Every structure is written in C-alpha cells, then in structure tokens.
Amino acid sequence: MTETHQLNELIARRWSPRSFNGAEVESWKLHTVFDAARWAASCFGEEPWRFLVAPSGDTAQFDRLLGLLVGKNQEWAKNAGALAISVAKKTFTHSGSPNRFAIHDVGTAFGQLSLQAEALGLHIHGMGGFDAARTRTEFAIPDDFEVCAAIAIGYVDGDGAPPAGRKRRPLGEIVFTGDWGKPAGFAG
C-alpha cells in the first residue's frame, strides 16, 4: 500500500479466524457490536436485520446455535465467545412490497459489526456452512424473513494478526467503468 492510500487501519487488519481461545465475550462488547450493526445504512431506513445470538456462557443457547453449523465449522466455532445468526426481513414495513435490498443491508450491518468487533479486540467469522432450514424451524422464524448467515464472535487464539500472505483481488478486477470488465481509471 502506498502512502497515497488512506485505508482505515481497522479495515486493513480485519480478518476471519478459525481459531478462538474459548473466552466468553463480555456482554457490554456484544451490546456494542450489535449496536454498531443497528446503525448501518438501509434502504428506506427499513433496518431489515435481525440477529439470534448466544454467548458461550449461555450453554443451552450456544449449543443450540452450534448444533446448526456443519461439522467442520462446529470443530472450531465451539471455541468462539458467542455465536449468532443473521436474518433479513424480506418486505418493507411501510408498504409490504418486496425489499430486494434486504440481504445487502444485512451484509452492511454485518460489516459494521465486524469493524466494531475489531476495534474492541474481537474477531468475527461469517459462515454459510449451517442449516438455514432447520434454523427457521427451530427458532420459528416467520416466512417474511430470510435466514442469512451464521457468525462466530470471539477472541482469536494467538496474537490476533492476520495470516501472512493474505491477499485480495486487485481493484482492477472488481471496479469497472464503461463496459463490464474494463477497470476504472483509479483501479488500474
């Protein structure tokens, strides 16, 4: 990264570990990270995000969420300090019409949650490897809501530094101007 780039340090150091140290996340920190999610931008101010959450100290609820994860995710997520599942309201409250931006907005809330967690010394790992249909049934989630992702929250096992050699696609592969695939001038 050159000196002309002003990427916020929280963004640069955020990563998704698969190794947590088993410490429970303090309730004030859980409150803070979900409050950060609450303040995310959303279409029409709908705030379509909802979260099921279980701190590891609430063994019954933690095990209930852990049991929804696929086996490989259970192996490492069992050491998280809390687990959560994000859910999106599929229609606008003001009109009842479909909200095609709901999952996008839940992703924005997740992003803010992730950065707030980083600021508090926590790490977040989002997961698609869980049983969404069983989540809907087990938690009686209404049909007007889409089950989105599972989330592990906790303290990383180790020094907390991102793994060496971590990469992202170059901007020229993801930001276009004009025709599809033509890198934006600043992205090249």
Protein backbone atom coordinates (compact mmCIF):
# COMPACT_ATOMS: atom_id res chain seq x y z
CA MET A 1 0.00 0.00 0.00
CA THR A 2 1.43 3.38 -0.95
CA GLU A 3 1.23 6.49 1.19
CA THR A 4 -1.49 7.94 -1.05
CA HIS A 5 -3.94 5.26 0.08
CA GLN A 6 -5.79 6.14 3.26
CA LEU A 7 -7.38 2.79 4.11
CA ASN A 8 -8.53 2.76 7.73
CA GLU A 9 -6.35 0.50 9.86
CA LEU A 10 -9.38 -1.36 11.27
CA ILE A 11 -10.34 -2.39 7.74
CA ALA A 12 -6.81 -3.40 6.80
CA ARG A 13 -6.29 -5.64 9.83
CA ARG A 14 -9.77 -7.26 9.95
CA TRP A 15 -9.74 -10.96 9.14
CA SER A 16 -11.83 -14.06 9.85
CA PRO A 17 -10.04 -16.58 12.08
CA ARG A 18 -10.98 -20.21 12.57
CA SER A 19 -9.25 -20.42 15.91
CA PHE A 20 -10.77 -18.81 19.00
CA ASN A 21 -9.45 -19.07 22.55
CA GLY A 22 -12.72 -20.07 24.26
CA ALA A 23 -13.12 -16.89 26.35
CA GLU A 24 -16.68 -15.62 26.67
CA VAL A 25 -17.33 -12.22 25.10
CA GLU A 26 -18.34 -9.63 27.68
CA SER A 27 -21.99 -8.59 27.39
CA TRP A 28 -21.08 -4.91 27.03
CA LYS A 29 -18.95 -5.80 23.99
CA LEU A 30 -21.80 -7.84 22.48
CA HIS A 31 -24.08 -4.87 23.09
CA THR A 32 -21.59 -2.57 21.36
CA VAL A 33 -21.03 -4.73 18.26
CA PHE A 34 -24.76 -5.24 17.71
CA ASP A 35 -25.34 -1.54 18.31
CA ALA A 36 -22.82 -0.86 15.52
CA ALA A 37 -24.86 -3.17 13.27
CA ARG A 38 -28.02 -1.30 14.26
CA TRP A 39 -26.60 1.97 12.91
CA ALA A 40 -25.91 0.61 9.40
CA ALA A 41 -27.48 2.29 6.38
CA SER A 42 -30.52 0.61 4.84
CA CYS A 43 -32.96 1.21 2.01
CA PHE A 44 -35.84 3.44 3.22
CA GLY A 45 -34.35 3.15 6.72
CA GLU A 46 -36.01 -0.29 6.94
CA GLU A 47 -33.26 -1.81 9.09
CA PRO A 48 -34.17 -5.32 7.90
CA TRP A 49 -31.52 -7.06 10.02
CA ARG A 50 -32.34 -9.31 12.93
CA PHE A 51 -29.90 -11.46 14.89
CA LEU A 52 -30.19 -14.57 17.01
CA VAL A 53 -27.29 -14.51 19.47
CA ALA A 54 -25.93 -16.81 22.17
CA PRO A 55 -22.92 -16.04 24.36
CA SER A 56 -20.86 -19.10 25.21
CA GLY A 57 -21.82 -18.69 28.90
CA ASP A 58 -25.43 -19.46 27.97
CA THR A 59 -24.55 -23.08 27.27
CA ALA A 60 -28.04 -24.23 26.23
CA GLN A 61 -28.50 -21.48 23.63
CA PHE A 62 -24.86 -21.59 22.49
CA ASP A 63 -25.08 -25.35 21.92
CA ARG A 64 -28.38 -24.85 20.10
CA LEU A 65 -26.74 -22.47 17.60
CA LEU A 66 -23.56 -24.56 17.43
CA GLY A 67 -25.67 -27.61 16.52
CA LEU A 68 -26.93 -25.79 13.41
CA LEU A 69 -23.42 -25.46 11.97
CA VAL A 70 -21.92 -28.05 9.62
CA GLY A 71 -19.42 -30.37 11.29
CA LYS A 72 -16.27 -28.64 10.04
CA ASN A 73 -17.49 -25.28 11.37
CA GLN A 74 -18.51 -26.84 14.70
CA GLU A 75 -14.93 -28.07 15.18
CA TRP A 76 -13.52 -24.55 15.54
CA ALA A 77 -16.64 -22.43 16.32
CA LYS A 78 -17.16 -24.33 19.60
CA ASN A 79 -14.35 -22.12 20.98
CA ALA A 80 -15.99 -18.82 19.99
CA GLY A 81 -17.15 -16.49 22.75
CA ALA A 82 -20.57 -16.11 21.12
CA LEU A 83 -22.48 -17.35 18.10
CA ALA A 84 -25.13 -15.54 16.09
CA ILE A 85 -27.30 -15.95 13.02
CA SER A 86 -28.31 -13.02 10.83
CA VAL A 87 -31.79 -12.79 9.35
CA ALA A 88 -33.27 -10.33 6.80
CA LYS A 89 -36.84 -9.05 6.64
CA LYS A 90 -37.87 -9.59 3.00
CA THR A 91 -40.56 -6.90 2.74
CA PHE A 92 -40.78 -3.20 3.53
CA THR A 93 -42.74 -2.41 6.67
CA HIS A 94 -44.22 0.78 5.17
CA SER A 95 -45.67 -0.87 2.05
CA GLY A 96 -45.44 -4.65 2.33
CA SER A 97 -43.67 -4.72 -1.05
CA PRO A 98 -40.57 -6.90 -1.59
CA ASN A 99 -37.30 -5.44 -0.35
CA ARG A 100 -34.72 -6.71 -2.82
CA PHE A 101 -32.02 -4.83 -0.87
CA ALA A 102 -32.63 -6.60 2.44
CA ILE A 103 -29.76 -9.09 2.25
CA HIS A 104 -27.42 -6.34 1.00
CA ASP A 105 -28.42 -4.23 4.01
CA VAL A 106 -27.88 -7.14 6.42
CA GLY A 107 -24.40 -7.50 4.88
CA THR A 108 -23.76 -3.84 5.56
CA ALA A 109 -24.81 -4.33 9.19
CA PHE A 110 -22.50 -7.37 9.40
CA GLY A 111 -19.63 -5.26 8.03
CA GLN A 112 -20.14 -2.61 10.68
CA LEU A 113 -20.42 -5.29 13.35
CA SER A 114 -17.11 -6.74 12.11
CA LEU A 115 -15.27 -3.42 12.27
CA GLN A 116 -16.65 -2.58 15.73
CA ALA A 117 -15.55 -6.02 16.91
CA GLU A 118 -12.05 -5.36 15.58
CA ALA A 119 -11.98 -2.04 17.46
CA LEU A 120 -12.82 -3.92 20.68
CA GLY A 121 -10.17 -6.62 20.21
CA LEU A 122 -12.66 -9.22 18.98
CA HIS A 123 -12.79 -11.15 15.72
CA ILE A 124 -15.76 -12.22 13.62
CA HIS A 125 -16.10 -15.12 11.21
CA GLY A 126 -19.19 -15.27 9.00
CA MET A 127 -20.33 -18.70 7.82
CA GLY A 128 -22.58 -20.10 5.15
CA GLY A 129 -21.99 -23.63 6.44
CA PHE A 130 -25.06 -24.10 8.61
CA ASP A 131 -28.59 -25.45 8.27
CA ALA A 132 -30.77 -22.44 7.38
CA ALA A 133 -33.97 -24.50 7.01
CA ARG A 134 -33.52 -26.06 10.44
CA THR A 135 -32.75 -22.61 11.88
CA ARG A 136 -36.07 -21.33 10.51
CA THR A 137 -37.97 -24.25 12.01
CA GLU A 138 -36.16 -24.44 15.34
CA PHE A 139 -36.48 -20.70 16.05
CA ALA A 140 -39.95 -20.25 14.46
CA ILE A 141 -38.66 -17.57 12.08
CA PRO A 142 -41.60 -16.09 10.13
CA ASP A 143 -41.84 -16.58 6.36
CA ASP A 144 -41.28 -12.84 5.84
CA PHE A 145 -37.65 -13.29 6.94
CA GLU A 146 -34.68 -14.84 5.10
CA VAL A 147 -32.09 -16.70 7.19
CA CYS A 148 -28.75 -15.28 6.02
CA ALA A 149 -25.53 -16.37 7.75
CA ALA A 150 -24.03 -17.77 10.94
CA ILE A 151 -21.45 -15.72 12.82
CA ALA A 152 -18.73 -16.68 15.30
CA ILE A 153 -17.59 -13.87 17.61
CA GLY A 154 -14.67 -14.08 19.97
CA TYR A 155 -11.07 -13.65 20.91
CA VAL A 156 -8.62 -15.12 18.46
CA ASP A 157 -6.27 -17.85 19.67
CA GLY A 158 -2.79 -16.40 19.13
CA ASP A 159 -1.51 -12.88 18.52
CA GLY A 160 -4.54 -11.66 16.55
CA ALA A 161 -2.51 -10.71 13.48
CA PRO A 162 -3.86 -11.57 10.04
CA PRO A 163 -2.18 -14.56 8.42
CA ALA A 164 0.94 -13.83 6.38
CA GLY A 165 0.41 -13.70 2.65
CA ARG A 166 -3.25 -12.70 2.93
CA LYS A 167 -4.47 -11.40 -0.45
CA ARG A 168 -7.41 -9.63 -2.03
CA ARG A 169 -8.31 -9.25 -5.69
CA PRO A 170 -6.80 -6.16 -7.31
CA LEU A 171 -9.24 -3.24 -7.67
CA GLY A 172 -8.99 -3.54 -11.46
CA GLU A 173 -10.78 -6.90 -11.21
CA ILE A 174 -13.71 -5.60 -9.17
CA VAL A 175 -14.26 -1.92 -10.05
CA PHE A 176 -15.28 -1.13 -13.64
CA THR A 177 -16.07 1.94 -15.74
CA GLY A 178 -17.96 1.78 -19.01
CA ASP A 179 -18.05 -1.78 -20.26
CA TRP A 180 -18.11 -4.76 -17.92
CA GLY A 181 -14.58 -5.84 -17.11
CA LYS A 182 -12.94 -2.50 -18.06
CA PRO A 183 -11.08 -1.39 -14.92
CA ALA A 184 -11.92 2.06 -13.58
CA GLY A 185 -9.10 4.55 -14.12
CA PHE A 186 -8.19 4.78 -10.45
CA ALA A 187 -8.32 0.98 -10.05
CA GLY A 188 -5.57 0.09 -12.51
